[in-house]
């Protein structure tokens, strides 16, 4: 049986996100995912670099709080680079 690949947001991938705006208003964000960011003490958001579909706002950064996200469309996936966390064995000599 083939192991199911875990799906996660990867930095550098392109997403289209629909989120809640003001009353009866949805906000559409399309661009490159730059990572997660802390907002205040206990809130997290997605950091997005806006693409050309946003006109004059292209290249600007937008923070979308996680609790307002309705859906995420995956437009282009950048493969996640494997990080080598092995830095050798640390020794303590006392």
Protein backbone atom coordinates (compact mmCIF):
# COMPACT_ATOMS: atom_id res chain seq x y z
CA UNK A 1 0.00 0.00 0.00
CA UNK A 2 1.40 3.39 -1.01
CA UNK A 3 2.01 5.84 1.81
CA UNK A 4 -0.17 8.95 1.45
CA UNK A 5 1.85 12.13 1.01
CA UNK A 6 1.22 14.76 3.67
CA UNK A 7 -0.07 18.00 2.18
CA UNK A 8 1.19 21.23 3.68
CA UNK A 9 1.71 24.85 2.66
CA UNK A 10 5.22 25.33 1.29
CA UNK A 11 7.13 28.59 1.06
CA UNK A 12 7.45 29.77 -2.52
CA UNK A 13 4.24 28.07 -3.70
CA UNK A 14 1.45 30.11 -5.29
CA UNK A 15 -1.98 30.07 -3.66
CA UNK A 16 -5.31 31.82 -4.07
CA UNK A 17 -6.98 32.45 -0.72
CA UNK A 18 -10.55 33.57 -0.07
CA UNK A 19 -11.00 35.11 3.37
CA UNK A 20 -13.61 37.05 5.29
CA UNK A 21 -13.47 40.82 4.90
CA UNK A 22 -15.90 43.34 6.27
CA UNK A 23 -19.62 42.64 6.49
CA UNK A 24 -20.85 40.67 3.42
CA UNK A 25 -17.46 41.10 1.76
CA UNK A 26 -14.90 38.44 0.78
CA UNK A 27 -11.24 39.18 0.12
CA UNK A 28 -9.39 37.31 -2.63
CA UNK A 29 -5.62 37.06 -2.26
CA UNK A 30 -3.41 35.52 -4.93
CA UNK A 31 0.35 35.30 -4.62
CA UNK A 32 3.41 33.57 -3.23
CA UNK A 33 3.28 32.08 0.27
CA UNK A 34 6.20 33.46 2.30
CA UNK A 35 5.51 31.68 5.60
CA UNK A 36 3.61 31.91 8.84
CA UNK A 37 3.78 35.01 11.02
CA UNK A 38 2.77 35.78 14.60
CA UNK A 39 0.17 38.48 15.13
CA UNK A 40 0.22 39.64 18.71
CA UNK A 41 0.44 37.06 21.46
CA UNK A 42 -1.76 34.18 20.35
CA UNK A 43 -2.72 34.74 16.71
CA UNK A 44 -1.05 33.35 13.59
CA UNK A 45 -1.38 34.44 10.00
CA UNK A 46 -0.20 33.61 6.51
CA UNK A 47 2.30 36.01 4.93
CA UNK A 48 1.59 36.39 1.20
CA UNK A 49 3.42 38.38 -1.49
CA UNK A 50 0.71 39.69 -3.82
CA UNK A 51 1.02 38.93 -7.54
CA UNK A 52 0.15 41.01 -10.62
CA UNK A 53 -3.59 40.26 -10.32
CA UNK A 54 -3.62 42.89 -7.53
CA UNK A 55 -2.56 45.76 -9.83
CA UNK A 56 -0.67 48.51 -7.98
CA UNK A 57 -0.46 46.29 -4.89
CA UNK A 58 1.68 43.69 -6.74
CA UNK A 59 4.82 42.86 -4.79
CA UNK A 60 3.36 44.10 -1.50
CA UNK A 61 2.97 41.77 1.48
CA UNK A 62 -0.39 40.81 3.00
CA UNK A 63 -0.99 39.08 6.33
CA UNK A 64 -4.12 36.93 6.48
CA UNK A 65 -5.17 35.82 9.99
CA UNK A 66 -5.85 32.06 10.03
CA UNK A 67 -9.28 32.42 11.62
CA UNK A 68 -10.70 34.34 8.60
CA UNK A 69 -9.57 31.92 5.87
CA UNK A 70 -12.47 30.23 4.04
CA UNK A 71 -10.57 28.33 1.33
CA UNK A 72 -7.16 27.92 -0.25
CA UNK A 73 -6.65 27.03 -3.92
CA UNK A 74 -3.26 25.55 -4.80
CA UNK A 75 -2.13 27.15 -8.08
CA UNK A 76 1.56 26.18 -8.26
CA UNK A 77 3.49 23.99 -5.83
CA UNK A 78 7.15 24.54 -5.10
CA UNK A 79 8.73 21.35 -3.84
CA UNK A 80 9.92 21.68 -0.28
CA UNK A 81 13.68 21.48 0.05
CA UNK A 82 14.93 18.82 2.41
CA UNK A 83 16.76 20.41 5.29
CA UNK A 84 19.66 18.56 6.84
CA UNK A 85 19.12 19.08 10.54
CA UNK A 86 22.11 16.92 11.45
CA UNK A 87 24.86 19.17 12.73
CA UNK A 88 27.02 16.49 14.24
CA UNK A 89 26.95 15.16 17.75
CA UNK A 90 27.30 17.77 20.45
CA UNK A 91 29.55 16.83 23.33
CA UNK A 92 29.75 18.37 26.73
CA UNK A 93 33.09 18.13 28.41
CA UNK A 94 33.05 19.37 31.95
